[in-house]
Amino acid sequence: QESSGGAASQPGRPPVPGGAAAPRPAGEGL
């Protein structure tokens, strides 16, 4: 599978492998 690191006109960016920690508590949307 391919992945990405910079931004296109798309939302957000992909995570870095091996660096993911436990997810943060679900925050409130903007």
PDB file of all heavy atoms in Angstrom:
ATOM      1  N   GLN A   1       0.830  -1.193   0.000  1.00  0.00           N
ATOM      2  CA  GLN A   1       0.000   0.000   0.000  1.00  0.00           C
ATOM      3  C   GLN A   1       0.858   1.233   0.000  1.00  0.00           C
ATOM      4  O   GLN A   1       1.916   1.268   0.584  1.00  0.00           O
ATOM      5  CB  GLN A   1      -0.899   0.008   1.235  1.00  0.00           C
ATOM      6  CG  GLN A   1      -1.821  -1.197   1.280  1.00  0.00           C
ATOM      7  CD  GLN A   1      -2.626  -1.209   2.554  1.00  0.00           C
ATOM      8  OE1 GLN A   1      -2.374  -0.408   3.439  1.00  0.00           O
ATOM      9  NE2 GLN A   1      -3.580  -2.093   2.660  1.00  0.00           N
ATOM     10  N   GLU A   2       0.366   2.272  -0.660  1.00  0.00           N
ATOM     11  CA  GLU A   2       1.109   3.517  -0.662  1.00  0.00           C
ATOM     12  C   GLU A   2       0.608   4.419   0.437  1.00  0.00           C
ATOM     13  O   GLU A   2      -0.444   4.208   0.993  1.00  0.00           O
ATOM     14  CB  GLU A   2       0.972   4.229  -2.012  1.00  0.00           C
ATOM     15  CG  GLU A   2      -0.404   4.787  -2.276  1.00  0.00           C
ATOM     16  CD  GLU A   2      -1.402   3.706  -2.609  1.00  0.00           C
ATOM     17  OE1 GLU A   2      -1.011   2.584  -2.904  1.00  0.00           O
ATOM     18  OE2 GLU A   2      -2.593   3.972  -2.539  1.00  0.00           O
ATOM     19  N   SER A   3       1.412   5.416   0.761  1.00  0.00           N
ATOM     20  CA  SER A   3       1.043   6.342   1.818  1.00  0.00           C
ATOM     21  C   SER A   3       1.526   7.704   1.456  1.00  0.00           C
ATOM     22  O   SER A   3       2.076   7.929   0.416  1.00  0.00           O
ATOM     23  CB  SER A   3       1.672   5.884   3.147  1.00  0.00           C
ATOM     24  OG  SER A   3       3.054   5.880   3.030  1.00  0.00           O
ATOM     25  N   SER A   4       1.349   8.699   2.352  1.00  0.00           N
ATOM     26  CA  SER A   4       1.721  10.065   2.011  1.00  0.00           C
ATOM     27  C   SER A   4       2.273  10.800   3.182  1.00  0.00           C
ATOM     28  O   SER A   4       2.095  10.420   4.312  1.00  0.00           O
ATOM     29  CB  SER A   4       0.504  10.805   1.479  1.00  0.00           C
ATOM     30  OG  SER A   4      -0.415  10.950   2.500  1.00  0.00           O
ATOM     31  N   GLY A   5       2.961  11.886   2.975  1.00  0.00           N
ATOM     32  CA  GLY A   5       3.585  12.677   4.019  1.00  0.00           C
ATOM     33  C   GLY A   5       3.356  14.102   3.903  1.00  0.00           C
ATOM     34  O   GLY A   5       3.401  14.812   4.889  1.00  0.00           O
ATOM     35  N   GLY A   6       3.166  14.697   2.798  1.00  0.00           N
ATOM     36  CA  GLY A   6       2.918  16.129   2.622  1.00  0.00           C
ATOM     37  C   GLY A   6       1.485  16.356   2.457  1.00  0.00           C
ATOM     38  O   GLY A   6       0.697  15.483   2.616  1.00  0.00           O
ATOM     39  N   ALA A   7       0.999  17.561   2.023  1.00  0.00           N
ATOM     40  CA  ALA A   7      -0.400  17.841   1.882  1.00  0.00           C
ATOM     41  C   ALA A   7      -0.704  18.139   0.448  1.00  0.00           C
ATOM     42  O   ALA A   7      -0.084  18.922  -0.188  1.00  0.00           O
ATOM     43  CB  ALA A   7      -0.804  19.034   2.738  1.00  0.00           C
ATOM     44  N   ALA A   8      -1.759  17.479  -0.048  1.00  0.00           N
ATOM     45  CA  ALA A   8      -2.337  17.915  -1.299  1.00  0.00           C
ATOM     46  C   ALA A   8      -3.543  18.731  -0.906  1.00  0.00           C
ATOM     47  O   ALA A   8      -3.658  19.180   0.213  1.00  0.00           O
ATOM     48  CB  ALA A   8      -2.685  16.712  -2.163  1.00  0.00           C
ATOM     49  N   SER A   9      -4.520  18.905  -1.781  1.00  0.00           N
ATOM     50  CA  SER A   9      -5.681  19.681  -1.386  1.00  0.00           C
ATOM     51  C   SER A   9      -6.580  18.858  -0.505  1.00  0.00           C
ATOM     52  O   SER A   9      -7.725  19.178  -0.285  1.00  0.00           O
ATOM     53  CB  SER A   9      -6.448  20.136  -2.631  1.00  0.00           C
ATOM     54  OG  SER A   9      -6.856  19.001  -3.369  1.00  0.00           O
ATOM     55  N   GLN A  10      -6.049  17.765   0.008  1.00  0.00           N
ATOM     56  CA  GLN A  10      -6.773  16.812   0.804  1.00  0.00           C
ATOM     57  C   GLN A  10      -6.596  17.127   2.273  1.00  0.00           C
ATOM     58  O   GLN A  10      -5.649  17.763   2.661  1.00  0.00           O
ATOM     59  CB  GLN A  10      -6.246  15.385   0.503  1.00  0.00           C
ATOM     60  CG  GLN A  10      -4.793  15.214   0.878  1.00  0.00           C
ATOM     61  CD  GLN A  10      -3.885  15.673  -0.213  1.00  0.00           C
ATOM     62  OE1 GLN A  10      -4.259  16.457  -1.073  1.00  0.00           O
ATOM     63  NE2 GLN A  10      -2.657  15.209  -0.178  1.00  0.00           N
ATOM     64  N   PRO A  11      -7.477  16.604   3.107  1.00  0.00           N
ATOM     65  CA  PRO A  11      -7.336  16.846   4.529  1.00  0.00           C
ATOM     66  C   PRO A  11      -6.254  15.996   5.147  1.00  0.00           C
ATOM     67  O   PRO A  11      -6.157  14.805   4.902  1.00  0.00           O
ATOM     68  CB  PRO A  11      -8.727  16.458   5.076  1.00  0.00           C
ATOM     69  CG  PRO A  11      -9.238  15.451   4.106  1.00  0.00           C
ATOM     70  CD  PRO A  11      -8.685  15.856   2.765  1.00  0.00           C
ATOM     71  N   GLY A  12      -5.423  16.655   5.951  1.00  0.00           N
ATOM     72  CA  GLY A  12      -4.536  15.956   6.838  1.00  0.00           C
ATOM     73  C   GLY A  12      -3.375  15.239   6.192  1.00  0.00           C
ATOM     74  O   GLY A  12      -3.114  15.329   5.017  1.00  0.00           O
ATOM     75  N   ARG A  13      -2.678  14.431   6.985  1.00  0.00           N
ATOM     76  CA  ARG A  13      -1.508  13.710   6.539  1.00  0.00           C
ATOM     77  C   ARG A  13      -1.472  12.359   7.222  1.00  0.00           C
ATOM     78  O   ARG A  13      -2.000  12.181   8.298  1.00  0.00           O
ATOM     79  CB  ARG A  13      -0.226  14.484   6.872  1.00  0.00           C
ATOM     80  CG  ARG A  13      -0.146  15.786   6.126  1.00  0.00           C
ATOM     81  CD  ARG A  13       0.911  16.651   6.764  1.00  0.00           C
ATOM     82  NE  ARG A  13       0.896  17.924   6.084  1.00  0.00           N
ATOM     83  CZ  ARG A  13       1.673  18.218   5.059  1.00  0.00           C
ATOM     84  NH1 ARG A  13       2.531  17.361   4.617  1.00  0.00           N
ATOM     85  NH2 ARG A  13       1.599  19.394   4.474  1.00  0.00           N
ATOM     86  N   PRO A  14      -0.760  11.383   6.621  1.00  0.00           N
ATOM     87  CA  PRO A  14      -0.735  10.064   7.215  1.00  0.00           C
ATOM     88  C   PRO A  14       0.221   9.971   8.383  1.00  0.00           C
ATOM     89  O   PRO A  14       1.162  10.726   8.489  1.00  0.00           O
ATOM     90  CB  PRO A  14      -0.264   9.174   6.059  1.00  0.00           C
ATOM     91  CG  PRO A  14       0.558  10.085   5.243  1.00  0.00           C
ATOM     92  CD  PRO A  14      -0.072  11.453   5.377  1.00  0.00           C
ATOM     93  N   PRO A  15       0.017   8.997   9.290  1.00  0.00           N
ATOM     94  CA  PRO A  15       0.926   8.826  10.405  1.00  0.00           C
ATOM     95  C   PRO A  15       2.223   8.170   9.988  1.00  0.00           C
ATOM     96  O   PRO A  15       2.341   7.601   8.925  1.00  0.00           O
ATOM     97  CB  PRO A  15       0.136   7.906  11.354  1.00  0.00           C
ATOM     98  CG  PRO A  15      -0.760   7.147  10.448  1.00  0.00           C
ATOM     99  CD  PRO A  15      -1.095   8.082   9.315  1.00  0.00           C
ATOM    100  N   VAL A  16       3.234   8.236  10.873  1.00  0.00           N
ATOM    101  CA  VAL A  16       4.526   7.624  10.607  1.00  0.00           C
ATOM    102  C   VAL A  16       4.520   6.239  11.223  1.00  0.00           C
ATOM    103  O   VAL A  16       4.074   6.063  12.348  1.00  0.00           O
ATOM    104  CB  VAL A  16       5.661   8.478  11.208  1.00  0.00           C
ATOM    105  CG1 VAL A  16       6.972   7.733  11.171  1.00  0.00           C
ATOM    106  CG2 VAL A  16       5.763   9.784  10.468  1.00  0.00           C
ATOM    107  N   PRO A  17       4.972   5.198  10.523  1.00  0.00           N
ATOM    108  CA  PRO A  17       4.918   3.849  11.062  1.00  0.00           C
ATOM    109  C   PRO A  17       5.761   3.708  12.304  1.00  0.00           C
ATOM    110  O   PRO A  17       6.834   4.283  12.422  1.00  0.00           O
ATOM    111  CB  PRO A  17       5.485   2.997   9.915  1.00  0.00           C
ATOM    112  CG  PRO A  17       6.376   3.927   9.174  1.00  0.00           C
ATOM    113  CD  PRO A  17       5.725   5.276   9.286  1.00  0.00           C
ATOM    114  N   GLY A  18       5.242   2.893  13.222  1.00  0.00           N
ATOM    115  CA  GLY A  18       6.003   2.625  14.427  1.00  0.00           C
ATOM    116  C   GLY A  18       5.968   3.748  15.428  1.00  0.00           C
ATOM    117  O   GLY A  18       6.423   3.628  16.534  1.00  0.00           O
ATOM    118  N   GLY A  19       5.403   4.916  15.074  1.00  0.00           N
ATOM    119  CA  GLY A  19       5.422   6.035  15.990  1.00  0.00           C
ATOM    120  C   GLY A  19       4.082   6.293  16.626  1.00  0.00           C
ATOM    121  O   GLY A  19       3.922   7.206  17.399  1.00  0.00           O
ATOM    122  N   ALA A  20       3.071   5.498  16.252  1.00  0.00           N
ATOM    123  CA  ALA A  20       1.731   5.765  16.733  1.00  0.00           C
ATOM    124  C   ALA A  20       1.618   5.361  18.191  1.00  0.00           C
ATOM    125  O   ALA A  20       2.028   4.286  18.600  1.00  0.00           O
ATOM    126  CB  ALA A  20       0.711   5.022  15.889  1.00  0.00           C
ATOM    127  N   ALA A  21       1.060   6.214  18.972  1.00  0.00           N
ATOM    128  CA  ALA A  21       0.812   5.919  20.374  1.00  0.00           C
ATOM    129  C   ALA A  21      -0.668   5.639  20.535  1.00  0.00           C
ATOM    130  O   ALA A  21      -1.435   5.637  19.592  1.00  0.00           O
ATOM    131  CB  ALA A  21       1.251   7.090  21.245  1.00  0.00           C
ATOM    132  N   ALA A  22      -1.090   5.393  21.789  1.00  0.00           N
ATOM    133  CA  ALA A  22      -2.505   5.186  22.029  1.00  0.00           C
ATOM    134  C   ALA A  22      -3.282   6.418  21.619  1.00  0.00           C
ATOM    135  O   ALA A  22      -2.808   7.532  21.782  1.00  0.00           O
ATOM    136  CB  ALA A  22      -2.730   4.891  23.513  1.00  0.00           C
ATOM    137  N   PRO A  23      -4.500   6.234  21.063  1.00  0.00           N
ATOM    138  CA  PRO A  23      -5.247   7.393  20.582  1.00  0.00           C
ATOM    139  C   PRO A  23      -5.590   8.347  21.704  1.00  0.00           C
ATOM    140  O   PRO A  23      -5.780   7.943  22.845  1.00  0.00           O
ATOM    141  CB  PRO A  23      -6.503   6.763  19.975  1.00  0.00           C
ATOM    142  CG  PRO A  23      -6.603   5.416  20.596  1.00  0.00           C
ATOM    143  CD  PRO A  23      -5.205   4.971  20.869  1.00  0.00           C
ATOM    144  N   ARG A  24      -5.639   9.630  21.357  1.00  0.00           N
ATOM    145  CA  ARG A  24      -6.002  10.640  22.347  1.00  0.00           C
ATOM    146  C   ARG A  24      -7.475  10.496  22.699  1.00  0.00           C
ATOM    147  O   ARG A  24      -8.269   9.968  21.924  1.00  0.00           O
ATOM    148  CB  ARG A  24      -5.762  12.043  21.787  1.00  0.00           C
ATOM    149  CG  ARG A  24      -4.328  12.349  21.530  1.00  0.00           C
ATOM    150  CD  ARG A  24      -4.189  13.781  21.070  1.00  0.00           C
ATOM    151  NE  ARG A  24      -5.000  14.051  19.895  1.00  0.00           N
ATOM    152  CZ  ARG A  24      -4.600  13.817  18.666  1.00  0.00           C
ATOM    153  NH1 ARG A  24      -3.415  13.317  18.444  1.00  0.00           N
ATOM    154  NH2 ARG A  24      -5.386  14.087  17.640  1.00  0.00           N
ATOM    155  N   PRO A  25      -7.895  10.991  23.856  1.00  0.00           N
ATOM    156  CA  PRO A  25      -9.308  10.998  24.165  1.00  0.00           C
ATOM    157  C   PRO A  25     -10.057  11.744  23.076  1.00  0.00           C
ATOM    158  O   PRO A  25      -9.595  12.751  22.563  1.00  0.00           O
ATOM    159  CB  PRO A  25      -9.383  11.751  25.510  1.00  0.00           C
ATOM    160  CG  PRO A  25      -8.012  11.636  26.076  1.00  0.00           C
ATOM    161  CD  PRO A  25      -7.078  11.583  24.915  1.00  0.00           C
ATOM    162  N   ALA A  26     -11.223  11.216  22.731  1.00  0.00           N
ATOM    163  CA  ALA A  26     -11.989  11.847  21.656  1.00  0.00           C
ATOM    164  C   ALA A  26     -12.336  13.271  22.032  1.00  0.00           C
ATOM    165  O   ALA A  26     -13.045  13.520  22.993  1.00  0.00           O
ATOM    166  CB  ALA A  26     -13.264  11.057  21.400  1.00  0.00           C
ATOM    167  N   GLY A  27     -11.814  14.219  21.279  1.00  0.00           N
ATOM    168  CA  GLY A  27     -12.057  15.632  21.561  1.00  0.00           C
ATOM    169  C   GLY A  27     -13.306  16.117  20.887  1.00  0.00           C
ATOM    170  O   GLY A  27     -13.939  15.419  20.095  1.00  0.00           O
ATOM    171  N   GLU A  28     -13.666  17.315  21.168  1.00  0.00           N
ATOM    172  CA  GLU A  28     -14.856  17.896  20.604  1.00  0.00           C
ATOM    173  C   GLU A  28     -14.529  18.562  19.279  1.00  0.00           C
ATOM    174  O   GLU A  28     -13.473  19.142  19.116  1.00  0.00           O
ATOM    175  CB  GLU A  28     -15.394  18.943  21.579  1.00  0.00           C
ATOM    176  CG  GLU A  28     -16.825  19.340  21.295  1.00  0.00           C
ATOM    177  CD  GLU A  28     -17.353  20.162  22.445  1.00  0.00           C
ATOM    178  OE1 GLU A  28     -16.558  20.764  23.161  1.00  0.00           O
ATOM    179  OE2 GLU A  28     -18.561  20.193  22.605  1.00  0.00           O
ATOM    180  N   GLY A  29     -15.385  18.415  18.288  1.00  0.00           N
ATOM    181  CA  GLY A  29     -15.153  18.983  16.976  1.00  0.00           C
ATOM    182  C   GLY A  29     -15.198  20.498  16.995  1.00  0.00           C
ATOM    183  O   GLY A  29     -15.837  21.115  17.850  1.00  0.00           O
ATOM    184  N   LEU A  30     -14.539  21.115  16.006  1.00  0.00           N
ATOM    185  CA  LEU A  30     -14.483  22.566  15.915  1.00  0.00           C
ATOM    186  C   LEU A  30     -15.868  23.146  15.656  1.00  0.00           C
ATOM    187  O   LEU A  30     -16.204  24.219  16.145  1.00  0.00           O
ATOM    188  CB  LEU A  30     -13.524  22.969  14.792  1.00  0.00           C
ATOM    189  CG  LEU A  30     -13.205  24.439  14.675  1.00  0.00           C
ATOM    190  CD1 LEU A  30     -12.616  24.952  15.964  1.00  0.00           C
ATOM    191  CD2 LEU A  30     -12.242  24.673  13.526  1.00  0.00           C
TER     192      LEU A  30
END
